[in-house]
């Protein structure tokens, strides 16, 4: 008998170990708690910049947990004061919960609609069917140094720009002079690197000068725009042509995936609307709207 009891105790212990561990509390106020699972759920709804702040800044993380606990405590106080007995507030609470579950259901439907192999095939089919959509324009990659100009007789800005250009022509490092002299602080520390761009992205004077450069390393003369004097160096150029499938594959597959997911969600909802028993009581709706109009009407 004792051996049997020990076996039962052992089986019970194993069963308890198999249960998921309770999430640890991260904040508490007397008998009110917020655990790690609730923190994760709230985190999933945050904007990317706010997520980064929570992960990187201890004060932001503490404020995040404090906000969740405040929400929990004040909601419990509202229940204690019977505010949840108000039919409108109760309906709003149900609707908030419904929206969370609705989104979960539609996400599951959308996930099931996406077959990676089918997406890859559709992407290649679209690439072949519409080649004109995947043409690329002439493109250059360039660096620049921006120096101030002065609308006066003695333009000291131009003199400085000419001096910097002379140093570049003498062989000094472009990136170092950009870091030292360029007033374009968005890229000065990157050696004036503007990345790649096509026509129509830059002001005309700058664009014309950049696309006139032919060989990597070639320098422009001083180019004056409303921003000041530019010295441009060509890093590379690529002529107009057809983008390869590999260049656009990721973009195409992302677009097709989004379309399939949206279509699946929409079709699922439309199918529900078409089901027998899904009805709108026009008379009851009209009465409800009339009440809303009386609430919204301005007081005389």
Protein backbone atom coordinates (compact mmCIF):
# COMPACT_ATOMS: atom_id res chain seq x y z
CA UNK A 1 0.00 0.00 0.00
CA UNK A 2 2.81 2.41 0.90
CA UNK A 3 4.52 1.65 -2.45
CA UNK A 4 1.28 2.39 -4.30
CA UNK A 5 0.93 5.74 -2.51
CA UNK A 6 4.52 6.65 -3.41
CA UNK A 7 3.83 5.85 -7.05
CA UNK A 8 0.73 8.06 -7.00
CA UNK A 9 2.73 10.89 -5.40
CA UNK A 10 5.42 10.52 -8.04
CA UNK A 11 2.86 10.64 -10.89
CA UNK A 12 1.24 13.73 -9.33
CA UNK A 13 4.60 15.50 -9.10
CA UNK A 14 5.35 14.73 -12.74
CA UNK A 15 1.93 16.12 -13.74
CA UNK A 16 2.57 19.31 -11.82
CA UNK A 17 5.94 19.73 -13.50
CA UNK A 18 4.25 19.40 -16.90
CA UNK A 19 1.93 22.33 -16.21
CA UNK A 20 3.03 25.70 -17.65
CA UNK A 21 4.78 27.83 -15.05
CA UNK A 22 2.82 30.84 -13.84
CA UNK A 23 4.16 34.10 -15.24
CA UNK A 24 6.11 36.10 -12.68
CA UNK A 25 4.57 39.28 -11.34
CA UNK A 26 6.39 42.41 -12.51
CA UNK A 27 4.29 44.94 -10.56
CA UNK A 28 1.87 44.78 -7.65
CA UNK A 29 -0.36 46.95 -5.47
CA UNK A 30 -1.72 45.02 -2.49
CA UNK A 31 -3.75 42.21 -4.09
CA UNK A 32 -3.59 43.62 -7.64
CA UNK A 33 -0.85 42.26 -9.91
CA UNK A 34 0.55 42.58 -13.43
CA UNK A 35 2.53 39.56 -14.60
CA UNK A 36 5.05 39.01 -17.37
CA UNK A 37 2.41 37.58 -19.75
CA UNK A 38 0.33 40.75 -19.46
CA UNK A 39 3.45 42.83 -20.03
CA UNK A 40 4.16 40.85 -23.19
CA UNK A 41 0.58 41.27 -24.43
CA UNK A 42 0.69 45.05 -23.96
CA UNK A 43 4.17 45.25 -25.49
CA UNK A 44 2.90 43.58 -28.69
CA UNK A 45 0.51 46.49 -29.31
CA UNK A 46 3.12 49.25 -28.96
CA UNK A 47 4.68 51.30 -31.76
CA UNK A 48 8.27 50.27 -32.68
CA UNK A 49 9.86 53.41 -31.23
CA UNK A 50 8.08 52.87 -27.90
CA UNK A 51 9.13 49.21 -27.86
CA UNK A 52 12.75 50.25 -28.33
CA UNK A 53 12.48 52.74 -25.47
CA UNK A 54 11.06 50.09 -23.13
CA UNK A 55 13.83 47.63 -24.02
CA UNK A 56 16.68 50.12 -23.83
CA UNK A 57 15.72 52.61 -21.11
CA UNK A 58 15.11 51.40 -17.54
CA UNK A 59 12.91 54.42 -16.73
CA UNK A 60 10.70 53.71 -19.75
CA UNK A 61 10.37 50.06 -18.72
CA UNK A 62 9.38 51.03 -15.18
CA UNK A 63 6.85 53.57 -16.49
CA UNK A 64 5.43 50.92 -18.80
CA UNK A 65 4.91 48.49 -15.91
CA UNK A 66 3.53 51.27 -13.70
CA UNK A 67 1.01 52.26 -16.39
CA UNK A 68 -0.24 48.69 -16.68
CA UNK A 69 -0.60 48.37 -12.93
CA UNK A 70 -2.37 51.74 -12.73
CA UNK A 71 -4.79 50.55 -15.37
CA UNK A 72 -5.46 47.37 -13.39
CA UNK A 73 -5.95 49.12 -10.03
CA UNK A 74 -8.22 51.86 -11.39
CA UNK A 75 -10.28 49.35 -13.34
CA UNK A 76 -10.82 47.34 -10.15
CA UNK A 77 -11.86 50.51 -8.33
CA UNK A 78 -14.33 51.22 -11.13
CA UNK A 79 -15.79 47.73 -10.69
CA UNK A 80 -15.99 48.25 -6.93
CA UNK A 81 -17.95 51.45 -7.59
CA UNK A 82 -20.30 49.45 -9.89
CA UNK A 83 -19.35 51.48 -12.96
CA UNK A 84 -19.37 48.28 -14.99
CA UNK A 85 -23.13 48.10 -14.36
CA UNK A 86 -23.58 50.99 -16.80
CA UNK A 87 -24.83 49.29 -19.99
CA UNK A 88 -22.85 51.59 -22.30
CA UNK A 89 -19.58 51.09 -20.38
CA UNK A 90 -20.23 47.34 -20.24
CA UNK A 91 -20.81 47.30 -24.00
CA UNK A 92 -17.57 49.22 -24.60
CA UNK A 93 -15.66 46.69 -22.50
CA UNK A 94 -17.17 43.80 -24.46
CA UNK A 95 -16.38 45.51 -27.76
CA UNK A 96 -12.74 46.04 -26.74
CA UNK A 97 -12.44 42.33 -25.90
CA UNK A 98 -14.25 41.42 -29.13
CA UNK A 99 -11.77 43.45 -31.19
CA UNK A 100 -8.80 41.61 -29.69
CA UNK A 101 -10.36 38.21 -30.45
CA UNK A 102 -11.58 39.34 -33.89
CA UNK A 103 -8.05 40.33 -34.87
CA UNK A 104 -6.69 37.02 -33.58
CA UNK A 105 -9.24 35.08 -35.64
CA UNK A 106 -8.63 37.08 -38.82
CA UNK A 107 -4.87 36.74 -38.36
CA UNK A 108 -5.27 32.96 -38.17
CA UNK A 109 -7.38 33.02 -41.35
CA UNK A 110 -4.81 35.20 -43.12
CA UNK A 111 -1.90 33.00 -42.01
CA UNK A 112 -3.63 29.93 -43.45
CA UNK A 113 -4.07 31.66 -46.82
CA UNK A 114 -0.35 32.15 -47.43
CA UNK A 115 1.61 29.29 -48.98
CA UNK A 116 5.26 30.33 -49.45
CA UNK A 117 5.68 28.15 -52.54
CA UNK A 118 2.58 29.66 -54.14
CA UNK A 119 3.75 33.17 -53.26
CA UNK A 120 7.13 32.51 -54.90
CA UNK A 121 5.42 31.23 -58.07
CA UNK A 122 3.07 34.23 -58.22
CA UNK A 123 5.99 36.60 -57.77
CA UNK A 124 7.86 35.10 -60.70
CA UNK A 125 4.67 35.12 -62.80
CA UNK A 126 4.08 38.81 -62.06
CA UNK A 127 7.70 39.64 -62.93
CA UNK A 128 7.36 37.93 -66.32
CA UNK A 129 3.92 39.43 -67.07
CA UNK A 130 4.81 43.07 -66.34
CA UNK A 131 8.48 43.61 -67.20
CA UNK A 132 7.94 47.35 -67.69
CA UNK A 133 7.19 47.73 -63.98
CA UNK A 134 10.70 46.59 -63.13
CA UNK A 135 12.73 48.99 -65.20
CA UNK A 136 15.24 51.05 -63.28
CA UNK A 137 16.28 54.54 -64.19
CA UNK A 138 19.82 55.79 -64.48
CA UNK A 139 21.29 55.85 -60.98
CA UNK A 140 24.37 57.33 -59.37
CA UNK A 141 25.93 57.10 -55.95
CA UNK A 142 27.72 60.25 -54.82
CA UNK A 143 29.27 62.13 -51.93
CA UNK A 144 29.16 65.86 -51.42
CA UNK A 145 30.59 68.61 -49.30
CA UNK A 146 28.16 71.48 -48.69
CA UNK A 147 29.62 74.87 -47.88
CA UNK A 148 27.75 78.10 -47.09
CA UNK A 149 27.20 80.76 -49.72
CA UNK A 150 26.78 84.50 -49.16
CA UNK A 151 24.68 86.85 -51.32
CA UNK A 152 27.14 89.72 -50.98
CA UNK A 153 29.93 91.39 -52.95
CA UNK A 154 32.70 89.72 -50.98
CA UNK A 155 31.48 86.12 -51.03
CA UNK A 156 33.73 84.51 -48.43
CA UNK A 157 31.72 81.31 -48.71
CA UNK A 158 32.79 80.83 -52.32
CA UNK A 159 36.40 81.49 -51.43
CA UNK A 160 36.23 78.78 -48.77
CA UNK A 161 34.54 76.39 -51.20
CA UNK A 162 37.22 77.02 -53.83
CA UNK A 163 39.92 76.39 -51.23
CA UNK A 164 38.36 73.06 -50.24
CA UNK A 165 37.99 72.07 -53.91
CA UNK A 166 41.66 72.86 -54.47
CA UNK A 167 42.64 70.62 -51.55
CA UNK A 168 40.57 67.81 -52.99
CA UNK A 169 42.18 68.19 -56.40
CA UNK A 170 45.56 68.05 -54.66
CA UNK A 171 44.64 64.61 -53.37
CA UNK A 172 43.30 65.16 -49.84
CA UNK A 173 40.76 62.69 -48.51
CA UNK A 174 37.18 63.60 -49.46
CA UNK A 175 35.57 61.96 -46.43
CA UNK A 176 37.89 63.74 -44.01
CA UNK A 177 37.23 67.16 -45.57
CA UNK A 178 33.48 66.46 -45.61
CA UNK A 179 33.55 65.69 -41.89
CA UNK A 180 35.54 68.87 -41.24
CA UNK A 181 33.82 71.41 -43.49
CA UNK A 182 30.39 70.21 -44.72
CA UNK A 183 27.40 71.96 -43.17
CA UNK A 184 25.13 69.09 -44.20
CA UNK A 185 25.16 67.40 -40.82
CA UNK A 186 22.92 64.56 -42.02
CA UNK A 187 25.89 62.96 -43.77
CA UNK A 188 29.06 64.92 -42.93
CA UNK A 189 30.18 62.29 -40.42
CA UNK A 190 29.64 59.64 -43.12
CA UNK A 191 32.09 61.37 -45.41
CA UNK A 192 29.31 63.19 -47.25
CA UNK A 193 27.87 59.91 -48.57
CA UNK A 194 24.43 60.51 -50.12
CA UNK A 195 23.88 56.90 -51.14
CA UNK A 196 22.36 56.07 -54.51
CA UNK A 197 19.67 58.14 -56.19
CA UNK A 198 17.85 58.46 -59.50
CA UNK A 199 16.82 61.57 -61.37
CA UNK A 200 14.12 63.62 -59.72
CA UNK A 201 15.40 63.13 -56.18
CA UNK A 202 17.71 66.14 -55.92
CA UNK A 203 17.43 69.82 -56.81
CA UNK A 204 18.05 70.35 -60.53
CA UNK A 205 21.44 72.07 -60.32
CA UNK A 206 22.80 69.32 -58.09
CA UNK A 207 21.22 66.55 -60.14
CA UNK A 208 22.59 67.85 -63.44
CA UNK A 209 26.10 68.09 -62.04
CA UNK A 210 26.00 64.65 -60.40
CA UNK A 211 24.73 62.85 -63.50
CA UNK A 212 27.27 64.67 -65.69
CA UNK A 213 30.10 62.90 -63.85
CA UNK A 214 31.23 59.78 -65.70
CA UNK A 215 33.98 58.00 -63.78
CA UNK A 216 34.12 56.96 -60.12
CA UNK A 217 36.26 59.42 -58.18
CA UNK A 218 35.54 62.29 -60.58
CA UNK A 219 34.92 65.67 -58.91
CA UNK A 220 32.48 68.36 -59.95
CA UNK A 221 33.24 72.05 -60.03
CA UNK A 222 31.45 74.17 -57.45
CA UNK A 223 27.68 73.70 -57.79
CA UNK A 224 25.54 76.47 -56.31
CA UNK A 225 22.02 75.70 -55.11
CA UNK A 226 19.73 77.39 -52.63
CA UNK A 227 21.48 75.37 -49.93
CA UNK A 228 24.97 76.67 -50.66
CA UNK A 229 28.01 75.48 -52.62
CA UNK A 230 28.36 71.75 -53.28
CA UNK A 231 31.41 69.75 -54.28
CA UNK A 232 30.30 66.38 -55.62
CA UNK A 233 32.32 63.21 -56.07
CA UNK A 234 30.94 60.30 -58.07
CA UNK A 235 31.22 56.95 -56.32
CA UNK A 236 29.50 54.75 -58.90
CA UNK A 237 26.86 54.84 -61.58
CA UNK A 238 24.44 52.37 -63.08
CA UNK A 239 22.79 52.85 -66.44
CA UNK A 240 19.08 52.49 -67.08
CA UNK A 241 18.01 48.87 -67.45
CA UNK A 242 15.91 45.96 -66.29
CA UNK A 243 16.04 44.99 -62.63
CA UNK A 244 16.66 41.28 -62.17
CA UNK A 245 14.10 39.05 -60.52
CA UNK A 246 16.41 38.55 -57.55
CA UNK A 247 16.54 42.33 -57.06
CA UNK A 248 12.76 42.60 -56.78
CA UNK A 249 11.89 39.16 -55.39
CA UNK A 250 11.57 40.27 -51.75
CA UNK A 251 9.47 43.32 -52.66
CA UNK A 252 7.19 41.27 -54.92
CA UNK A 253 6.69 38.46 -52.43
CA UNK A 254 5.90 40.93 -49.65
CA UNK A 255 3.32 42.67 -51.83
CA UNK A 256 1.68 39.41 -52.91
CA UNK A 257 1.62 38.13 -49.32
CA UNK A 258 -0.13 41.30 -48.19
CA UNK A 259 -2.68 40.98 -51.00
CA UNK A 260 -3.40 37.33 -50.16
CA UNK A 261 -3.76 38.06 -46.47
CA UNK A 262 -6.09 41.01 -47.07
CA UNK A 263 -8.20 39.03 -49.54
CA UNK A 264 -8.52 36.12 -47.10
CA UNK A 265 -9.62 38.42 -44.30
CA UNK A 266 -12.12 40.22 -46.53
CA UNK A 267 -13.53 37.00 -48.02
CA UNK A 268 -13.96 35.50 -44.55
CA UNK A 269 -15.99 38.50 -43.38
CA UNK A 270 -18.08 38.62 -46.55
CA UNK A 271 -18.84 34.90 -46.20
CA UNK A 272 -20.06 35.53 -42.65
CA UNK A 273 -22.32 38.34 -43.90
CA UNK A 274 -23.83 35.96 -46.45
CA UNK A 275 -24.61 33.22 -43.93
CA UNK A 276 -28.21 32.51 -42.99
CA UNK A 277 -29.06 34.13 -39.67
CA UNK A 278 -26.79 37.15 -40.12
CA UNK A 279 -29.43 39.89 -40.15
CA UNK A 280 -29.88 43.59 -39.43
CA UNK A 281 -33.11 44.65 -37.74
CA UNK A 282 -33.84 47.82 -39.70
CA UNK A 283 -36.54 49.08 -37.32
CA UNK A 284 -34.38 48.60 -34.23
CA UNK A 285 -31.40 50.20 -36.00
CA UNK A 286 -33.51 53.21 -37.01
CA UNK A 287 -34.70 53.66 -33.42
CA UNK A 288 -31.13 53.44 -32.09
CA UNK A 289 -29.94 55.99 -34.63
CA UNK A 290 -32.77 58.35 -33.72
CA UNK A 291 -31.67 58.20 -30.10
CA UNK A 292 -28.06 58.94 -31.15
CA UNK A 293 -29.24 61.93 -33.19
CA UNK A 294 -31.04 63.34 -30.17
CA UNK A 295 -27.87 62.97 -28.10
CA UNK A 296 -25.74 64.61 -30.79
CA UNK A 297 -28.18 67.45 -31.50
CA UNK A 298 -26.88 70.81 -30.17
CA UNK A 299 -28.79 72.20 -27.21
CA UNK A 300 -31.05 75.15 -28.01
